[in-house]
Amino acid sequence: MDADLSLEFLRVVEQAAIACAHTMGQGDGKRSDHAAVEAMRRVLDTVPIDGRIVIGEGERDEAPMLYIGEKVGSPHAMRSTATTGFPQVDIAVDPLEGTNLCSTGAPNAIAVLAASNRDGLLHAPDLYMEKLVVGPSSKDHVSLDAPVHENLKAIAGCLGRRVEDLVIVVLERERHEKLIADIRATGARIRLIGDGDLSAGIAAAVVASGVHAVMGTGGAPEGVITAAAMRCLNGEIFARLVIKTPADEQRLREMGVTDLRKIYRSKDLAPGKRVIFAATGVTDGTLMKGVRFFGDGVRTSSLIMQNEPHYIRFVDSIHVTAPNAKIHF
């Protein structure tokens, strides 16, 4: 994957965000998600790649598009042979992370995509994962198996702060009652969120975001996309698959997973030599503003980054839709 595809993937997430932003606050999450999926799939077919979806909207019988294993890229690229030169790319997508956030107009809904060279992203099963996400300074000083108070003490020490100054993001779920109690017992502050642990994980690795760690159990596919972001941000995710039933265990063994207690890190989940991450805000969030419509066009706020060559860019774009438009800043 030698070609610079980052701006191509930026177009993909921008158009997905714009499409679902038209439905923001209308209380119809399915409609919002459908709009994002259709737009993302349409624009992906203009990107000059021989691509395949490795994390998407589900299996083929459950999703009409962006399903796992679906081929994407320009029609010529999809018919390519080894001599055409189109890069082979694996893609993980979440066309609308925070469906409920978009449908209610709540903060931190985003359109997001991660890409890497072939086999550069783990084909994660649709299970839950225990997760701990931290920034660069803390990544060598915490452990998924350590008690909460030890991890928070270590994070505070690395940041030169008191534990009481930390902000920890946790999904507001019944399964996290003990975790929430353990965090509060240390004096640390908690930001409970209804959805969107992926955007929170990204914020945890960005200096001055106001988020210092993400803890708790969330989806494994989102964990892989977070890992791609950590590869670019030099942060870290620690994750372990949650096995609830014998069927879960059997499924993992059929996928070749033998160590069921393995703790995955970002290079396990997103091992590709080159990783690209792109996200556009749908609603206003910690790192990016939401889509803003004005009379002559649309304004978007995005994050695009990659690990090789290493760069992180915040992109503010004006999409002009009318001739002789007046641009409003």
C-alpha atoms as a PDB file:
ATOM      1  CA  MET A   1       0.000   0.000   0.000  1.00  0.00           C
ATOM      2  CA  ASP A   2       2.527   2.557  -1.216  1.00  0.00           C
ATOM      3  CA  ALA A   3       0.066   5.076  -2.675  1.00  0.00           C
ATOM      4  CA  ASP A   4      -1.008   7.984  -0.484  1.00  0.00           C
ATOM      5  CA  LEU A   5      -4.641   7.064   0.001  1.00  0.00           C
ATOM      6  CA  SER A   6      -5.283   9.168   3.090  1.00  0.00           C
ATOM      7  CA  LEU A   7      -7.111  11.962   1.249  1.00  0.00           C
ATOM      8  CA  GLU A   8      -9.179   9.384  -0.632  1.00  0.00           C
ATOM      9  CA  PHE A   9     -10.331   7.871   2.647  1.00  0.00           C
ATOM     10  CA  LEU A  10     -10.944  11.354   4.028  1.00  0.00           C
ATOM     11  CA  ARG A  11     -13.494  11.858   1.238  1.00  0.00           C
ATOM     12  CA  VAL A  12     -15.172   8.612   2.230  1.00  0.00           C
ATOM     13  CA  VAL A  13     -15.760   9.569   5.880  1.00  0.00           C
ATOM     14  CA  GLU A  14     -16.685  13.158   5.021  1.00  0.00           C
ATOM     15  CA  GLN A  15     -19.482  12.061   2.696  1.00  0.00           C
ATOM     16  CA  ALA A  16     -20.745   9.447   5.168  1.00  0.00           C
ATOM     17  CA  ALA A  17     -20.864  12.078   7.907  1.00  0.00           C
ATOM     18  CA  ILE A  18     -22.665  14.604   5.710  1.00  0.00           C
ATOM     19  CA  ALA A  19     -25.246  12.031   4.634  1.00  0.00           C
ATOM     20  CA  CYS A  20     -26.238  10.969   8.133  1.00  0.00           C
ATOM     21  CA  ALA A  21     -26.009  14.521   9.513  1.00  0.00           C
ATOM     22  CA  HIS A  22     -29.103  15.320   7.448  1.00  0.00           C
ATOM     23  CA  THR A  23     -30.978  12.960   9.798  1.00  0.00           C
ATOM     24  CA  MET A  24     -29.440  14.274  13.030  1.00  0.00           C
ATOM     25  CA  GLY A  25     -31.907  14.674  15.881  1.00  0.00           C
ATOM     26  CA  GLN A  26     -34.831  13.102  14.013  1.00  0.00           C
ATOM     27  CA  GLY A  27     -35.010  10.116  16.337  1.00  0.00           C
ATOM     28  CA  ASP A  28     -34.570   7.456  13.660  1.00  0.00           C
ATOM     29  CA  GLY A  29     -31.284   5.660  14.255  1.00  0.00           C
ATOM     30  CA  LYS A  30     -31.851   3.100  11.510  1.00  0.00           C
ATOM     31  CA  ARG A  31     -32.367   5.832   8.952  1.00  0.00           C
ATOM     32  CA  SER A  32     -29.234   7.631  10.120  1.00  0.00           C
ATOM     33  CA  ASP A  33     -27.147   4.468   9.885  1.00  0.00           C
ATOM     34  CA  HIS A  34     -28.576   3.589   6.470  1.00  0.00           C
ATOM     35  CA  ALA A  35     -27.689   7.024   5.117  1.00  0.00           C
ATOM     36  CA  ALA A  36     -24.098   6.722   6.364  1.00  0.00           C
ATOM     37  CA  VAL A  37     -23.672   3.184   4.990  1.00  0.00           C
ATOM     38  CA  GLU A  38     -24.994   4.056   1.531  1.00  0.00           C
ATOM     39  CA  ALA A  39     -22.804   7.144   1.236  1.00  0.00           C
ATOM     40  CA  MET A  40     -19.679   5.387   2.458  1.00  0.00           C
ATOM     41  CA  ARG A  41     -20.192   2.458   0.086  1.00  0.00           C
ATOM     42  CA  ARG A  42     -20.807   4.762  -2.881  1.00  0.00           C
ATOM     43  CA  VAL A  43     -17.648   6.801  -2.324  1.00  0.00           C
ATOM     44  CA  LEU A  44     -15.503   3.750  -1.597  1.00  0.00           C
ATOM     45  CA  ASP A  45     -16.271   2.597  -5.127  1.00  0.00           C
ATOM     46  CA  THR A  46     -14.457   5.667  -6.469  1.00  0.00           C
ATOM     47  CA  VAL A  47     -11.224   4.941  -4.582  1.00  0.00           C
ATOM     48  CA  PRO A  48      -8.473   3.346  -6.735  1.00  0.00           C
ATOM     49  CA  ILE A  49      -7.899   0.257  -4.583  1.00  0.00           C
ATOM     50  CA  ASP A  50      -8.449  -3.474  -4.616  1.00  0.00           C
ATOM     51  CA  GLY A  51     -10.152  -3.390  -1.248  1.00  0.00           C
ATOM     52  CA  ARG A  52     -12.077  -5.736   0.992  1.00  0.00           C
ATOM     53  CA  ILE A  53     -14.129  -5.111   4.110  1.00  0.00           C
ATOM     54  CA  VAL A  54     -12.801  -7.003   7.135  1.00  0.00           C
ATOM     55  CA  ILE A  55     -14.914  -5.218   9.756  1.00  0.00           C
ATOM     56  CA  GLY A  56     -18.219  -3.784   8.663  1.00  0.00           C
ATOM     57  CA  GLU A  57     -21.964  -4.015   9.046  1.00  0.00           C
ATOM     58  CA  GLY A  58     -22.047  -7.769   9.663  1.00  0.00           C
ATOM     59  CA  GLU A  59     -22.126 -10.935   7.604  1.00  0.00           C
ATOM     60  CA  ARG A  60     -23.435 -10.871   4.046  1.00  0.00           C
ATOM     61  CA  ASP A  61     -26.843 -12.309   4.942  1.00  0.00           C
ATOM     62  CA  GLU A  62     -27.326  -9.566   7.544  1.00  0.00           C
ATOM     63  CA  ALA A  63     -26.081  -6.529   5.609  1.00  0.00           C
ATOM     64  CA  PRO A  64     -26.750  -5.567   1.985  1.00  0.00           C
ATOM     65  CA  MET A  65     -23.521  -3.555   1.762  1.00  0.00           C
ATOM     66  CA  LEU A  66     -20.263  -3.030   3.630  1.00  0.00           C
ATOM     67  CA  TYR A  67     -20.559  -6.626   4.799  1.00  0.00           C
ATOM     68  CA  ILE A  68     -17.510  -8.592   5.900  1.00  0.00           C
ATOM     69  CA  GLY A  69     -15.628  -9.868   2.867  1.00  0.00           C
ATOM     70  CA  GLU A  70     -17.220  -7.438   0.399  1.00  0.00           C
ATOM     71  CA  LYS A  71     -14.929  -6.162  -2.344  1.00  0.00           C
ATOM     72  CA  VAL A  72     -14.717  -2.381  -2.635  1.00  0.00           C
ATOM     73  CA  GLY A  73     -12.833   0.052  -4.840  1.00  0.00           C
ATOM     74  CA  SER A  74     -13.292   1.501  -8.295  1.00  0.00           C
ATOM     75  CA  PRO A  75     -14.808  -0.993 -10.772  1.00  0.00           C
ATOM     76  CA  HIS A  76     -11.518  -1.159 -12.651  1.00  0.00           C
ATOM     77  CA  ALA A  77      -9.635  -1.882  -9.431  1.00  0.00           C
ATOM     78  CA  MET A  78     -12.006  -4.675  -8.481  1.00  0.00           C
ATOM     79  CA  ARG A  79     -11.287  -6.386 -11.812  1.00  0.00           C
ATOM     80  CA  SER A  80      -7.572  -5.856 -11.360  1.00  0.00           C
ATOM     81  CA  THR A  81      -4.881  -8.440 -11.787  1.00  0.00           C
ATOM     82  CA  ALA A  82      -1.464  -8.532 -10.197  1.00  0.00           C
ATOM     83  CA  THR A  83      -0.122  -6.310 -12.980  1.00  0.00           C
ATOM     84  CA  THR A  84      -2.508  -3.363 -12.639  1.00  0.00           C
ATOM     85  CA  GLY A  85      -0.794  -1.866  -9.628  1.00  0.00           C
ATOM     86  CA  PHE A  86      -3.888  -1.140  -7.529  1.00  0.00           C
ATOM     87  CA  PRO A  87      -2.996  -1.581  -3.849  1.00  0.00           C
ATOM     88  CA  GLN A  88      -4.627  -4.430  -1.931  1.00  0.00           C
ATOM     89  CA  VAL A  89      -6.218  -2.874   1.120  1.00  0.00           C
ATOM     90  CA  ASP A  90      -8.135  -4.254   4.085  1.00  0.00           C
ATOM     91  CA  ILE A  91     -10.714  -1.857   5.492  1.00  0.00           C
ATOM     92  CA  ALA A  92     -12.557  -1.631   8.805  1.00  0.00           C
ATOM     93  CA  VAL A  93     -15.536   0.709   8.852  1.00  0.00           C
ATOM     94  CA  ASP A  94     -18.065   2.112  11.237  1.00  0.00           C
ATOM     95  CA  PRO A  95     -20.109   4.404   8.974  1.00  0.00           C
ATOM     96  CA  LEU A  96     -21.863   5.888  11.990  1.00  0.00           C
ATOM     97  CA  GLU A  97     -20.315   5.267  15.374  1.00  0.00           C
ATOM     98  CA  GLY A  98     -22.945   6.467  17.798  1.00  0.00           C
ATOM     99  CA  THR A  99     -26.191   5.797  15.957  1.00  0.00           C
ATOM    100  CA  ASN A 100     -28.213   6.805  19.004  1.00  0.00           C
ATOM    101  CA  LEU A 101     -26.047   9.894  19.455  1.00  0.00           C
ATOM    102  CA  CYS A 102     -26.876  11.054  15.936  1.00  0.00           C
ATOM    103  CA  SER A 103     -30.580  10.271  16.247  1.00  0.00           C
ATOM    104  CA  THR A 104     -30.833  12.357  19.435  1.00  0.00           C
ATOM    105  CA  GLY A 105     -28.309  15.057  18.502  1.00  0.00           C
ATOM    106  CA  ALA A 106     -25.983  14.080  21.342  1.00  0.00           C
ATOM    107  CA  PRO A 107     -22.211  14.715  21.134  1.00  0.00           C
ATOM    108  CA  ASN A 108     -19.458  12.495  19.697  1.00  0.00           C
ATOM    109  CA  ALA A 109     -21.145  10.727  16.783  1.00  0.00           C
ATOM    110  CA  ILE A 110     -18.552  10.141  14.061  1.00  0.00           C
ATOM    111  CA  ALA A 111     -18.062   8.421  10.710  1.00  0.00           C
ATOM    112  CA  VAL A 112     -14.876   6.380  10.838  1.00  0.00           C
ATOM    113  CA  LEU A 113     -12.668   4.137   8.724  1.00  0.00           C
ATOM    114  CA  ALA A 114      -9.355   2.343   9.225  1.00  0.00           C
ATOM    115  CA  ALA A 115      -7.304   0.808   6.430  1.00  0.00           C
ATOM    116  CA  SER A 116      -4.113  -1.200   6.116  1.00  0.00           C
ATOM    117  CA  ASN A 117      -2.233  -3.478   3.773  1.00  0.00           C
ATOM    118  CA  ARG A 118      -3.742  -6.934   3.199  1.00  0.00           C
ATOM    119  CA  ASP A 119      -4.077  -8.859   6.500  1.00  0.00           C
ATOM    120  CA  GLY A 120      -3.101  -5.737   8.404  1.00  0.00           C
ATOM    121  CA  LEU A 121      -6.299  -5.636  10.506  1.00  0.00           C
ATOM    122  CA  LEU A 122      -7.545  -8.470  12.703  1.00  0.00           C
ATOM    123  CA  HIS A 123     -10.799 -10.063  11.548  1.00  0.00           C
ATOM    124  CA  ALA A 124     -12.334  -9.589  14.978  1.00  0.00           C
ATOM    125  CA  PRO A 125     -15.381 -11.672  15.895  1.00  0.00           C
ATOM    126  CA  ASP A 126     -18.535  -9.842  16.879  1.00  0.00           C
ATOM    127  CA  LEU A 127     -17.943 -10.367  20.591  1.00  0.00           C
ATOM    128  CA  TYR A 128     -17.228  -8.107  23.525  1.00  0.00           C
ATOM    129  CA  MET A 129     -13.756  -7.136  24.681  1.00  0.00           C
ATOM    130  CA  GLU A 130     -12.411  -5.929  27.989  1.00  0.00           C
ATOM    131  CA  LYS A 131     -10.581  -2.716  27.116  1.00  0.00           C
ATOM    132  CA  LEU A 132      -8.119  -0.300  28.618  1.00  0.00           C
ATOM    133  CA  VAL A 133      -7.071   2.610  26.387  1.00  0.00           C
ATOM    134  CA  VAL A 134      -4.353   5.063  27.417  1.00  0.00           C
ATOM    135  CA  GLY A 135      -2.086   7.663  25.895  1.00  0.00           C
ATOM    136  CA  PRO A 136       1.625   7.439  25.005  1.00  0.00           C
ATOM    137  CA  SER A 137       3.016   8.341  28.419  1.00  0.00           C
ATOM    138  CA  SER A 138       1.095   5.632  30.281  1.00  0.00           C
ATOM    139  CA  LYS A 139       1.176   2.710  27.870  1.00  0.00           C
ATOM    140  CA  ASP A 140       4.148   0.904  29.458  1.00  0.00           C
ATOM    141  CA  HIS A 141       2.939   1.364  33.025  1.00  0.00           C
ATOM    142  CA  VAL A 142      -0.572  -0.171  33.092  1.00  0.00           C
ATOM    143  CA  SER A 143      -2.015  -3.655  32.789  1.00  0.00           C
ATOM    144  CA  LEU A 144      -5.438  -5.041  31.978  1.00  0.00           C
ATOM    145  CA  ASP A 145      -5.064  -7.423  34.929  1.00  0.00           C
ATOM    146  CA  ALA A 146      -3.975  -4.779  37.447  1.00  0.00           C
ATOM    147  CA  PRO A 147      -6.499  -3.449  39.978  1.00  0.00           C
ATOM    148  CA  VAL A 148      -8.210  -0.218  38.977  1.00  0.00           C
ATOM    149  CA  HIS A 149      -6.519   1.818  41.715  1.00  0.00           C
ATOM    150  CA  GLU A 150      -3.057   0.687  40.578  1.00  0.00           C
ATOM    151  CA  ASN A 151      -3.691   1.600  36.968  1.00  0.00           C
ATOM    152  CA  LEU A 152      -5.062   5.012  37.878  1.00  0.00           C
ATOM    153  CA  LYS A 153      -2.125   5.694  40.196  1.00  0.00           C
ATOM    154  CA  ALA A 154       0.263   4.747  37.379  1.00  0.00           C
ATOM    155  CA  ILE A 155      -1.561   6.957  34.826  1.00  0.00           C
ATOM    156  CA  ALA A 156      -1.560   9.906  37.225  1.00  0.00           C
ATOM    157  CA  GLY A 157       2.151   9.462  37.901  1.00  0.00           C
ATOM    158  CA  CYS A 158       3.006   9.370  34.208  1.00  0.00           C
ATOM    159  CA  LEU A 159       0.988  12.537  33.591  1.00  0.00           C
ATOM    160  CA  GLY A 160       2.307  14.375  36.662  1.00  0.00           C
ATOM    161  CA  ARG A 161      -1.198  14.673  38.082  1.00  0.00           C
ATOM    162  CA  ARG A 162      -3.146  13.562  41.122  1.00  0.00           C
ATOM    163  CA  VAL A 163      -5.514  10.647  40.692  1.00  0.00           C
ATOM    164  CA  GLU A 164      -8.312  13.064  41.568  1.00  0.00           C
ATOM    165  CA  ASP A 165      -7.462  15.074  38.449  1.00  0.00           C
ATOM    166  CA  LEU A 166      -7.999  12.177  36.053  1.00  0.00           C
ATOM    167  CA  VAL A 167     -11.063  11.803  33.828  1.00  0.00           C
ATOM    168  CA  ILE A 168     -11.938   8.212  32.929  1.00  0.00           C
ATOM    169  CA  VAL A 169     -14.519   7.423  30.261  1.00  0.00           C
ATOM    170  CA  VAL A 170     -16.818   4.443  30.858  1.00  0.00           C
ATOM    171  CA  LEU A 171     -19.820   3.229  28.885  1.00  0.00           C
ATOM    172  CA  GLU A 172     -22.928   3.580  31.034  1.00  0.00           C
ATOM    173  CA  ARG A 173     -23.940  -0.064  31.245  1.00  0.00           C
ATOM    174  CA  GLU A 174     -25.178  -2.282  34.059  1.00  0.00           C
ATOM    175  CA  ARG A 175     -22.146  -4.540  33.566  1.00  0.00           C
ATOM    176  CA  HIS A 176     -19.873  -1.668  34.611  1.00  0.00           C
ATOM    177  CA  GLU A 177     -21.375  -1.016  38.067  1.00  0.00           C
ATOM    178  CA  LYS A 178     -18.380  -2.470  39.927  1.00  0.00           C
ATOM    179  CA  LEU A 179     -15.884  -0.753  37.645  1.00  0.00           C
ATOM    180  CA  ILE A 180     -17.582   2.594  38.202  1.00  0.00           C
ATOM    181  CA  ALA A 181     -17.560   2.058  41.967  1.00  0.00           C
ATOM    182  CA  ASP A 182     -13.858   1.118  41.905  1.00  0.00           C
ATOM    183  CA  ILE A 183     -12.956   4.244  39.926  1.00  0.00           C
ATOM    184  CA  ARG A 184     -14.979   6.505  42.200  1.00  0.00           C
ATOM    185  CA  ALA A 185     -13.331   4.951  45.249  1.00  0.00           C
ATOM    186  CA  THR A 186      -9.973   6.327  44.041  1.00  0.00           C
ATOM    187  CA  GLY A 187     -11.324   9.856  43.770  1.00  0.00           C
ATOM    188  CA  ALA A 188     -10.927   9.970  39.981  1.00  0.00           C
ATOM    189  CA  ARG A 189     -13.658  11.558  37.916  1.00  0.00           C
ATOM    190  CA  ILE A 190     -15.814   9.590  35.489  1.00  0.00           C
ATOM    191  CA  ARG A 191     -17.437  10.631  32.242  1.00  0.00           C
ATOM    192  CA  LEU A 192     -20.271   8.193  31.579  1.00  0.00           C
ATOM    193  CA  ILE A 193     -21.248   7.873  27.926  1.00  0.00           C
ATOM    194  CA  GLY A 194     -24.212   6.160  26.321  1.00  0.00           C
ATOM    195  CA  ASP A 195     -22.336   5.211  23.129  1.00  0.00           C
ATOM    196  CA  GLY A 196     -19.119   6.045  21.328  1.00  0.00           C
ATOM    197  CA  ASP A 197     -16.257   4.330  23.157  1.00  0.00           C
ATOM    198  CA  LEU A 198     -14.235   4.497  19.920  1.00  0.00           C
ATOM    199  CA  SER A 199     -14.194   8.299  19.832  1.00  0.00           C
ATOM    200  CA  ALA A 200     -13.432   8.310  23.556  1.00  0.00           C
ATOM    201  CA  GLY A 201     -10.485   5.977  22.999  1.00  0.00           C
ATOM    202  CA  ILE A 202      -9.042   8.320  20.392  1.00  0.00           C
ATOM    203  CA  ALA A 203      -9.420  11.255  22.783  1.00  0.00           C
ATOM    204  CA  ALA A 204      -7.530   9.365  25.500  1.00  0.00           C
ATOM    205  CA  ALA A 205      -4.407   9.342  23.314  1.00  0.00           C
ATOM    206  CA  VAL A 206      -4.578  13.036  22.385  1.00  0.00           C
ATOM    207  CA  VAL A 207      -2.899  15.541  24.698  1.00  0.00           C
ATOM    208  CA  ALA A 208      -5.216  18.152  26.248  1.00  0.00           C
ATOM    209  CA  SER A 209      -8.406  16.337  25.217  1.00  0.00           C
ATOM    210  CA  GLY A 210      -9.538  16.141  28.846  1.00  0.00           C
ATOM    211  CA  VAL A 211      -9.772  12.335  28.701  1.00  0.00           C
ATOM    212  CA  HIS A 212      -7.025  10.275  30.344  1.00  0.00           C
ATOM    213  CA  ALA A 213      -8.195   6.687  29.879  1.00  0.00           C
ATOM    214  CA  VAL A 214     -11.077   4.532  28.700  1.00  0.00           C
ATOM    215  CA  MET A 215     -12.037   1.482  30.746  1.00  0.00           C
ATOM    216  CA  GLY A 216     -14.673  -1.223  30.447  1.00  0.00           C
ATOM    217  CA  THR A 217     -16.153  -3.736  28.059  1.00  0.00           C
ATOM    218  CA  GLY A 218     -17.167  -2.884  24.500  1.00  0.00           C
ATOM    219  CA  GLY A 219     -17.343  -4.350  21.016  1.00  0.00           C
ATOM    220  CA  ALA A 220     -14.348  -6.190  19.570  1.00  0.00           C
ATOM    221  CA  PRO A 221     -14.740  -4.672  16.070  1.00  0.00           C
ATOM    222  CA  GLU A 222     -14.546  -1.188  17.593  1.00  0.00           C
ATOM    223  CA  GLY A 223     -11.456  -2.367  19.453  1.00  0.00           C
ATOM    224  CA  VAL A 224      -9.680  -3.087  16.171  1.00  0.00           C
ATOM    225  CA  ILE A 225     -10.501   0.369  14.787  1.00  0.00           C
ATOM    226  CA  THR A 226      -9.299   1.917  18.052  1.00  0.00           C
ATOM    227  CA  ALA A 227      -6.080  -0.076  17.730  1.00  0.00           C
ATOM    228  CA  ALA A 228      -5.526   1.404  14.262  1.00  0.00           C
ATOM    229  CA  ALA A 229      -5.856   4.870  15.768  1.00  0.00           C
ATOM    230  CA  MET A 230      -3.414   3.954  18.549  1.00  0.00           C
ATOM    231  CA  ARG A 231      -0.850   2.839  15.948  1.00  0.00           C
ATOM    232  CA  CYS A 232      -0.973   6.386  14.588  1.00  0.00           C
ATOM    233  CA  LEU A 233      -1.195   8.238  17.912  1.00  0.00           C
ATOM    234  CA  ASN A 234       1.429   6.136  19.742  1.00  0.00           C
ATOM    235  CA  GLY A 235      -1.156   5.342  22.410  1.00  0.00           C
ATOM    236  CA  GLU A 236      -2.167   1.833  23.425  1.00  0.00           C
ATOM    237  CA  ILE A 237      -5.175  -0.401  23.785  1.00  0.00           C
ATOM    238  CA  PHE A 238      -5.110  -3.489  25.975  1.00  0.00           C
ATOM    239  CA  ALA A 239      -7.953  -5.852  25.148  1.00  0.00           C
ATOM    240  CA  ARG A 240      -9.175  -9.369  25.890  1.00  0.00           C
ATOM    241  CA  LEU A 241     -12.080 -11.175  24.265  1.00  0.00           C
ATOM    242  CA  VAL A 242     -15.037 -11.894  26.531  1.00  0.00           C
ATOM    243  CA  ILE A 243     -16.339 -15.457  26.220  1.00  0.00           C
ATOM    244  CA  LYS A 244     -19.864 -15.850  27.570  1.00  0.00           C
ATOM    245  CA  THR A 245     -21.014 -19.151  26.084  1.00  0.00           C
ATOM    246  CA  PRO A 246     -19.553 -22.417  24.784  1.00  0.00           C
ATOM    247  CA  ALA A 247     -20.633 -21.260  21.324  1.00  0.00           C
ATOM    248  CA  ASP A 248     -18.368 -18.201  21.676  1.00  0.00           C
ATOM    249  CA  GLU A 249     -15.439 -20.430  22.589  1.00  0.00           C
ATOM    250  CA  GLN A 250     -16.135 -22.770  19.690  1.00  0.00           C
ATOM    251  CA  ARG A 251     -16.323 -19.867  17.258  1.00  0.00           C
ATOM    252  CA  LEU A 252     -12.957 -18.544  18.401  1.00  0.00           C
ATOM    253  CA  ARG A 253     -11.308 -21.943  18.116  1.00  0.00           C
ATOM    254  CA  GLU A 254     -12.670 -22.303  14.574  1.00  0.00           C
ATOM    255  CA  MET A 255     -11.041 -18.938  13.801  1.00  0.00           C
ATOM    256  CA  GLY A 256      -7.718 -20.296  15.033  1.00  0.00           C
ATOM    257  CA  VAL A 257      -7.707 -18.560  18.414  1.00  0.00           C
ATOM    258  CA  THR A 258      -6.092 -20.963  20.885  1.00  0.00           C
ATOM    259  CA  ASP A 259      -5.172 -18.622  23.743  1.00  0.00           C
ATOM    260  CA  LEU A 260      -8.592 -17.546  24.971  1.00  0.00           C
ATOM    261  CA  ARG A 261      -7.106 -15.351  27.708  1.00  0.00           C
ATOM    262  CA  LYS A 262      -4.696 -13.498  25.456  1.00  0.00           C
ATOM    263  CA  ILE A 263      -4.304  -9.790  26.035  1.00  0.00           C
ATOM    264  CA  TYR A 264      -4.177  -8.046  22.670  1.00  0.00           C
ATOM    265  CA  ARG A 265      -2.350  -4.775  22.090  1.00  0.00           C
ATOM    266  CA  SER A 266      -2.557  -2.404  19.149  1.00  0.00           C
ATOM    267  CA  LYS A 267       0.049  -4.266  17.077  1.00  0.00           C
ATOM    268  CA  ASP A 268      -1.912  -7.499  17.570  1.00  0.00           C
ATOM    269  CA  LEU A 269      -5.218  -5.959  16.504  1.00  0.00           C
ATOM    270  CA  ALA A 270      -3.810  -3.738  13.744  1.00  0.00           C
ATOM    271  CA  PRO A 271      -0.487  -5.350  12.768  1.00  0.00           C
ATOM    272  CA  GLY A 272      -0.205  -3.807   9.304  1.00  0.00           C
ATOM    273  CA  LYS A 273       3.003  -2.145   8.212  1.00  0.00           C
ATOM    274  CA  ARG A 274       1.046   0.905   7.118  1.00  0.00           C
ATOM    275  CA  VAL A 275      -2.143   1.982   8.836  1.00  0.00           C
ATOM    276  CA  ILE A 276      -4.453   4.846   7.879  1.00  0.00           C
ATOM    277  CA  PHE A 277      -7.230   6.177  10.114  1.00  0.00           C
ATOM    278  CA  ALA A 278      -9.893   8.699   9.081  1.00  0.00           C
ATOM    279  CA  ALA A 279     -12.850  10.109  10.991  1.00  0.00           C
ATOM    280  CA  THR A 280     -15.301  12.978  10.501  1.00  0.00           C
ATOM    281  CA  GLY A 281     -17.504  14.457  13.188  1.00  0.00           C
ATOM    282  CA  VAL A 282     -21.246  14.064  12.712  1.00  0.00           C
ATOM    283  CA  THR A 283     -22.245  15.851  15.916  1.00  0.00           C
ATOM    284  CA  ASP A 284     -19.999  18.141  17.969  1.00  0.00           C
ATOM    285  CA  GLY A 285     -17.473  16.161  19.977  1.00  0.00           C
ATOM    286  CA  THR A 286     -14.325  16.265  22.071  1.00  0.00           C
ATOM    287  CA  LEU A 287     -11.951  16.408  19.100  1.00  0.00           C
ATOM    288  CA  MET A 288     -14.074  17.407  16.109  1.00  0.00           C
ATOM    289  CA  LYS A 289     -17.036  19.639  15.431  1.00  0.00           C
ATOM    290  CA  GLY A 290     -20.108  18.162  13.846  1.00  0.00           C
ATOM    291  CA  VAL A 291     -21.321  18.741  10.301  1.00  0.00           C
ATOM    292  CA  ARG A 292     -22.535  22.311   9.779  1.00  0.00           C
ATOM    293  CA  PHE A 293     -24.844  23.260   6.934  1.00  0.00           C
ATOM    294  CA  PHE A 294     -25.045  26.744   5.479  1.00  0.00           C
ATOM    295  CA  GLY A 295     -26.862  28.166   2.497  1.00  0.00           C
ATOM    296  CA  ASP A 296     -24.198  27.431  -0.088  1.00  0.00           C
ATOM    297  CA  GLY A 297     -22.574  24.296   1.254  1.00  0.00           C
ATOM    298  CA  VAL A 298     -21.378  22.186   4.150  1.00  0.00           C
ATOM    299  CA  ARG A 299     -18.503  22.420   6.598  1.00  0.00           C
ATOM    300  CA  THR A 300     -16.887  19.333   8.107  1.00  0.00           C
ATOM    301  CA  SER A 301     -14.252  18.694  10.766  1.00  0.00           C
ATOM    302  CA  SER A 302     -12.096  15.597  10.370  1.00  0.00           C
ATOM    303  CA  LEU A 303      -9.077  13.746  11.699  1.00  0.00           C
ATOM    304  CA  ILE A 304      -6.797  11.923   9.256  1.00  0.00           C
ATOM    305  CA  MET A 305      -3.631  10.144  10.321  1.00  0.00           C
ATOM    306  CA  GLN A 306      -1.249   7.378   9.405  1.00  0.00           C
ATOM    307  CA  ASN A 307       1.780   5.679  10.907  1.00  0.00           C
ATOM    308  CA  GLU A 308       4.081   5.579   7.852  1.00  0.00           C
ATOM    309  CA  PRO A 309       4.966   8.277   7.033  1.00  0.00           C
ATOM    310  CA  HIS A 310       3.781   9.389  10.427  1.00  0.00           C
ATOM    311  CA  TYR A 311       1.431  12.350  10.538  1.00  0.00           C
ATOM    312  CA  ILE A 312      -1.733  13.510  12.277  1.00  0.00           C
ATOM    313  CA  ARG A 313      -3.892  16.147  10.626  1.00  0.00           C
ATOM    314  CA  PHE A 314      -7.041  17.911  11.733  1.00  0.00           C
ATOM    315  CA  VAL A 315      -8.861  18.958   8.553  1.00  0.00           C
ATOM    316  CA  ASP A 316     -11.546  21.643   8.339  1.00  0.00           C
ATOM    317  CA  SER A 317     -13.272  21.402   4.954  1.00  0.00           C
ATOM    318  CA  ILE A 318     -15.787  23.552   3.116  1.00  0.00           C
ATOM    319  CA  HIS A 319     -17.866  21.603   0.586  1.00  0.00           C
ATOM    320  CA  VAL A 320     -19.358  24.169  -1.790  1.00  0.00           C
ATOM    321  CA  THR A 321     -22.627  23.058  -3.335  1.00  0.00           C
ATOM    322  CA  ALA A 322     -23.812  26.232  -5.061  1.00  0.00           C
ATOM    323  CA  PRO A 323     -22.227  28.401  -7.785  1.00  0.00           C
ATOM    324  CA  ASN A 324     -20.970  31.836  -6.713  1.00  0.00           C
ATOM    325  CA  ALA A 325     -21.182  30.690  -3.121  1.00  0.00           C
ATOM    326  CA  LYS A 326     -20.266  32.952  -0.205  1.00  0.00           C
ATOM    327  CA  ILE A 327     -18.070  31.099   2.264  1.00  0.00           C
ATOM    328  CA  HIS A 328     -18.910  31.664   5.935  1.00  0.00           C
ATOM    329  CA  PHE A 329     -16.227  31.138   8.594  1.00  0.00           C
END
